[in-house]
Amino acid sequence: MRSATLAQLLAHTPLFTKVPRASIEALAEGASRLRLGNGQHLFHMGDRAESFFLVQSGSVVLYRPSYTGEAKVFRNMEAGDLLAETVMFVDPCRYPLSARAGSEASVFRLPRSRLLTLCRESPDFSQAMLEGMAVRIVQSINRVDLLTIGNAAQRLVAYLMDLYTQQRSAWLTLPASHSVLARQLNITPETFSRQMGVFRRSGFVGGRNTEVVLLDIDGLCAAVGLPPAAPLECAAAADSLGSSLFDCCNYGRQSLGK
């Protein structure tokens, strides 16, 4: 029953949509389920990477210790997220980030060896991986471009426009807290909050906390000196930043119950 549940979850992730069901079931048979308490580590940066993971419930925080002693949070992984599968192809294979539970969590652990075998045996799967890598490379270039914009307000608006493209709606759900997003955009949390306040008072955005409504997209872009956002029907996956500014070690995301 456990492997059947996992096979069903994997089949609905973007990475495995083109993989034959029999191959997914074979991969799932080698998996085990782990339960993590809040704050418990799944792995540490530099650990030998013999497994990748799928979050079944709860959340897992990807972070890297900084030189100041504070943790630099890269992403909060939630139910349906695949974690560290792309790292499995690196040799020597070590985790580039640390992962700890952000709440009580349940994750499936899948062996690296079975993933590599699946790549050798399934051309469709291998092509899906290459396609994902190609998109991520282009998205990485877009992220570098965003992070080198000198104006903090422009970086913030460019990021909101990217979410608008990804979520295909003016009603946005921020993927992380303001403080996490501020660090990813290379601005202080105080600047992030202050700038959002300016946009609200100007009538460009509404909402609160992680829910943001774009009320005047063209006005928002013009206010910071950016060109108008492209129409949604013209947007392509490679034109975006990805589902996170730092999708450095995972491709697939499945939305459960959303």
Protein backbone atom coordinates (compact mmCIF):
# COMPACT_ATOMS: atom_id res chain seq x y z
CA MET A 1 0.00 0.00 0.00
CA ARG A 2 2.86 2.39 0.83
CA SER A 3 4.60 1.87 -2.52
CA ALA A 4 1.28 2.27 -4.36
CA THR A 5 0.68 5.59 -2.59
CA LEU A 6 4.16 6.80 -3.45
CA ALA A 7 3.85 5.66 -7.09
CA GLN A 8 0.64 7.67 -7.39
CA LEU A 9 2.31 10.77 -5.95
CA LEU A 10 5.35 10.40 -8.21
CA ALA A 11 3.19 9.91 -11.30
CA HIS A 12 1.67 13.35 -10.77
CA THR A 13 4.98 15.22 -10.49
CA PRO A 14 6.20 16.97 -13.67
CA LEU A 15 9.41 14.96 -13.69
CA PHE A 16 7.67 11.58 -13.90
CA THR A 17 4.69 12.34 -16.15
CA LYS A 18 6.39 10.76 -19.19
CA VAL A 19 7.74 7.73 -17.33
CA PRO A 20 5.99 4.36 -17.78
CA ARG A 21 3.95 3.37 -14.73
CA ALA A 22 5.90 0.12 -14.32
CA SER A 23 9.16 2.07 -13.99
CA ILE A 24 7.63 4.39 -11.38
CA GLU A 25 6.34 1.42 -9.40
CA ALA A 26 9.79 -0.20 -9.49
CA LEU A 27 11.30 3.03 -8.16
CA ALA A 28 8.68 3.27 -5.42
CA GLU A 29 9.31 -0.30 -4.24
CA GLY A 30 12.77 0.68 -3.03
CA ALA A 31 11.50 3.60 -0.95
CA SER A 32 10.99 3.98 2.78
CA ARG A 33 9.03 6.53 4.79
CA LEU A 34 10.58 8.77 7.43
CA ARG A 35 8.80 10.81 10.08
CA LEU A 36 10.55 13.96 11.24
CA GLY A 37 9.92 16.01 14.34
CA ASN A 38 9.91 19.79 14.11
CA GLY A 39 13.51 20.94 13.68
CA GLN A 40 14.88 17.44 13.02
CA HIS A 41 17.44 17.24 10.21
CA LEU A 42 16.89 15.16 7.12
CA PHE A 43 20.50 15.71 5.99
CA HIS A 44 23.34 18.18 6.40
CA MET A 45 25.26 20.06 3.73
CA GLY A 46 28.22 17.94 2.62
CA ASP A 47 26.66 14.61 3.63
CA ARG A 48 27.05 11.81 1.12
CA ALA A 49 23.86 11.81 -0.97
CA GLU A 50 22.51 8.30 -1.45
CA SER A 51 18.81 9.23 -1.53
CA PHE A 52 16.36 11.81 -2.80
CA PHE A 53 13.01 12.56 -1.20
CA LEU A 54 9.36 13.40 -1.72
CA VAL A 55 7.57 15.37 0.97
CA GLN A 56 4.30 13.65 1.86
CA SER A 57 3.15 16.07 4.58
CA GLY A 58 4.47 18.95 6.63
CA SER A 59 7.37 21.10 5.48
CA VAL A 60 11.14 20.80 5.06
CA VAL A 61 13.40 23.86 5.07
CA LEU A 62 16.44 23.99 2.78
CA TYR A 63 19.17 26.20 4.18
CA ARG A 64 22.89 26.82 4.30
CA PRO A 65 24.78 28.13 7.33
CA SER A 66 26.24 31.58 6.69
CA TYR A 67 29.58 32.96 7.82
CA THR A 68 27.76 35.07 10.42
CA GLY A 69 26.33 31.97 12.03
CA GLU A 70 22.80 32.59 10.79
CA ALA A 71 21.04 30.12 8.52
CA LYS A 72 20.42 31.36 4.98
CA VAL A 73 17.06 29.86 4.02
CA PHE A 74 16.78 28.92 0.36
CA ARG A 75 13.36 27.32 0.17
CA ASN A 76 10.53 25.81 2.15
CA MET A 77 9.54 22.44 0.67
CA GLU A 78 5.94 21.33 1.11
CA ALA A 79 3.70 18.34 0.38
CA GLY A 80 4.28 17.09 -3.16
CA ASP A 81 7.76 18.56 -3.56
CA LEU A 82 10.60 16.41 -4.82
CA LEU A 83 13.82 17.13 -3.01
CA ALA A 84 17.43 16.64 -4.16
CA GLU A 85 16.72 14.42 -7.17
CA THR A 86 19.00 16.40 -9.48
CA VAL A 87 21.87 16.11 -7.02
CA MET A 88 21.76 12.36 -7.58
CA PHE A 89 23.57 12.82 -10.91
CA VAL A 90 26.61 14.55 -9.43
CA ASP A 91 29.78 12.56 -8.71
CA PRO A 92 30.90 12.67 -5.97
CA CYS A 93 27.33 12.97 -4.79
CA ARG A 94 26.92 15.23 -1.76
CA TYR A 95 24.05 17.44 -0.62
CA PRO A 96 24.75 21.14 -1.37
CA LEU A 97 22.35 22.34 1.34
CA SER A 98 21.08 21.22 4.72
CA ALA A 99 17.46 20.16 5.20
CA ARG A 100 15.48 20.22 8.43
CA ALA A 101 11.80 19.81 9.20
CA GLY A 102 9.96 23.12 9.47
CA SER A 103 7.14 21.27 11.22
CA GLU A 104 6.31 17.67 11.91
CA ALA A 105 6.80 16.06 8.54
CA SER A 106 6.55 12.78 6.68
CA VAL A 107 8.85 12.15 3.70
CA PHE A 108 9.54 9.26 1.37
CA ARG A 109 13.20 8.36 0.90
CA LEU A 110 14.07 6.95 -2.54
CA PRO A 111 17.45 5.38 -3.39
CA ARG A 112 19.82 7.07 -5.80
CA SER A 113 20.78 3.73 -7.37
CA ARG A 114 17.24 3.08 -8.59
CA LEU A 115 16.94 6.55 -10.07
CA LEU A 116 20.15 6.10 -12.06
CA THR A 117 18.96 2.69 -13.26
CA LEU A 118 15.68 4.26 -14.41
CA CYS A 119 17.64 6.81 -16.46
CA ARG A 120 19.61 4.06 -18.18
CA GLU A 121 16.50 2.01 -18.96
CA SER A 122 13.98 4.71 -19.92
CA PRO A 123 14.83 7.09 -22.80
CA ASP A 124 11.63 9.03 -22.08
CA PHE A 125 12.70 9.63 -18.51
CA SER A 126 16.22 10.65 -19.53
CA GLN A 127 14.83 13.11 -22.06
CA ALA A 128 12.47 14.57 -19.44
CA MET A 129 15.46 15.12 -17.15
CA LEU A 130 17.44 16.83 -19.92
CA GLU A 131 14.45 19.02 -20.76
CA GLY A 132 14.15 20.02 -17.12
CA MET A 133 17.85 20.83 -16.91
CA ALA A 134 17.69 22.99 -20.02
CA VAL A 135 14.78 25.01 -18.61
CA ARG A 136 16.57 25.41 -15.26
CA ILE A 137 19.72 26.71 -16.97
CA VAL A 138 17.72 29.44 -18.70
CA GLN A 139 15.87 30.21 -15.46
CA SER A 140 19.21 30.49 -13.66
CA ILE A 141 20.31 33.13 -16.18
CA ASN A 142 17.06 34.98 -15.48
CA ARG A 143 17.74 34.82 -11.72
CA VAL A 144 21.25 36.20 -12.15
CA ASP A 145 19.79 39.02 -14.22
CA LEU A 146 17.22 39.79 -11.52
CA LEU A 147 19.71 39.72 -8.65
CA THR A 148 22.08 42.12 -10.44
CA ILE A 149 19.44 44.83 -10.84
CA GLY A 150 20.79 47.64 -8.68
CA ASN A 151 17.45 48.97 -7.45
CA ALA A 152 15.75 47.00 -4.65
CA ALA A 153 12.30 48.20 -5.74
CA GLN A 154 12.95 46.96 -9.29
CA ARG A 155 14.08 43.56 -8.00
CA LEU A 156 10.91 43.25 -5.94
CA VAL A 157 8.60 44.26 -8.78
CA ALA A 158 10.43 42.00 -11.26
CA TYR A 159 9.90 39.12 -8.84
CA LEU A 160 6.20 39.92 -8.44
CA MET A 161 5.85 40.00 -12.22
CA ASP A 162 7.51 36.61 -12.42
CA LEU A 163 5.01 35.20 -9.91
CA TYR A 164 2.25 36.77 -11.99
CA THR A 165 3.55 34.85 -15.01
CA GLN A 166 3.93 31.57 -13.11
CA GLN A 167 0.63 31.66 -11.25
CA ARG A 168 -1.22 33.16 -14.22
CA SER A 169 -3.28 35.41 -12.02
CA ALA A 170 -3.13 38.86 -10.42
CA TRP A 171 -3.98 37.13 -7.13
CA LEU A 172 -0.58 35.93 -5.95
CA THR A 173 0.50 33.57 -3.20
CA LEU A 174 4.05 34.26 -2.07
CA PRO A 175 5.98 30.97 -1.76
CA ALA A 176 7.75 32.00 1.46
CA SER A 177 7.70 34.58 4.24
CA HIS A 178 8.71 38.18 3.58
CA SER A 179 11.99 37.69 5.44
CA VAL A 180 12.97 34.64 3.34
CA LEU A 181 12.06 36.35 0.07
CA ALA A 182 13.96 39.48 1.11
CA ARG A 183 17.16 37.46 1.57
CA GLN A 184 16.64 35.75 -1.78
CA LEU A 185 16.25 39.16 -3.44
CA ASN A 186 19.35 40.46 -1.66
CA ILE A 187 17.48 43.15 0.25
CA THR A 188 16.81 43.55 3.96
CA PRO A 189 13.45 42.38 5.39
CA GLU A 190 12.84 45.98 6.51
CA THR A 191 13.31 47.27 2.96
CA PHE A 192 11.00 44.56 1.63
CA SER A 193 8.21 45.46 4.06
CA ARG A 194 8.70 49.20 3.57
CA GLN A 195 8.57 48.91 -0.21
CA MET A 196 5.46 46.74 -0.12
CA GLY A 197 3.87 49.40 2.09
CA VAL A 198 4.70 52.07 -0.48
CA PHE A 199 3.11 49.97 -3.24
CA ARG A 200 -0.04 49.45 -1.16
CA ARG A 201 -0.43 53.14 -0.33
CA SER A 202 0.02 53.98 -4.01
CA GLY A 203 -2.80 51.61 -4.96
CA PHE A 204 -0.59 49.26 -6.95
CA VAL A 205 -1.05 46.16 -4.75
CA GLY A 206 -3.39 44.86 -2.08
CA GLY A 207 -3.63 41.86 0.22
CA ARG A 208 -1.71 40.96 3.35
CA ASN A 209 1.00 38.59 4.54
CA THR A 210 1.69 35.99 1.80
CA GLU A 211 -1.43 36.89 -0.23
CA VAL A 212 -0.81 39.75 -2.70
CA VAL A 213 -3.21 41.22 -5.25
CA LEU A 214 -1.82 43.15 -8.21
CA LEU A 215 -4.26 46.05 -8.63
CA ASP A 216 -2.37 48.10 -11.23
CA ILE A 217 0.29 46.07 -13.00
CA ASP A 218 1.27 48.65 -15.59
CA GLY A 219 1.38 51.40 -12.95
CA LEU A 220 3.52 49.25 -10.65
CA CYS A 221 6.06 48.57 -13.40
CA ALA A 222 6.14 52.20 -14.50
CA ALA A 223 6.66 53.40 -10.91
CA VAL A 224 10.01 51.58 -10.70
CA GLY A 225 11.09 52.13 -14.30
CA LEU A 226 10.38 48.65 -15.66
CA PRO A 227 8.62 47.86 -18.97
CA PRO A 228 5.03 46.57 -18.79
CA ALA A 229 4.58 42.88 -18.02
CA ALA A 230 4.17 40.57 -21.01
CA PRO A 231 0.69 39.13 -21.61
CA LEU A 232 0.19 35.80 -19.84
CA GLU A 233 -0.52 33.97 -23.10
CA CYS A 234 2.98 34.88 -24.33
CA ALA A 235 4.81 33.51 -21.28
CA ALA A 236 6.90 30.32 -21.45
CA ALA A 237 8.41 28.25 -18.65
CA ALA A 238 11.96 29.16 -19.60
CA ASP A 239 11.10 32.86 -19.36
CA SER A 240 10.46 32.63 -15.63
CA LEU A 241 12.64 32.26 -12.56
CA GLY A 242 11.16 28.89 -11.61
CA SER A 243 8.91 28.19 -8.65
CA SER A 244 11.60 29.53 -6.32
CA LEU A 245 14.56 31.84 -6.71
CA PHE A 246 16.71 28.92 -5.60
CA ASP A 247 15.41 25.75 -7.25
CA CYS A 248 18.98 24.49 -7.18
CA CYS A 249 18.41 20.86 -6.27
CA ASN A 250 14.92 19.91 -7.32
CA TYR A 251 12.74 20.03 -10.43
CA GLY A 252 9.31 18.71 -9.74
CA ARG A 253 6.51 20.11 -7.65
CA GLN A 254 3.06 18.70 -7.21
CA SER A 255 0.25 20.77 -5.70
CA LEU A 256 -1.85 18.70 -3.36
CA GLY A 257 -5.31 19.88 -2.49
CA LYS A 258 -4.83 23.26 -4.17
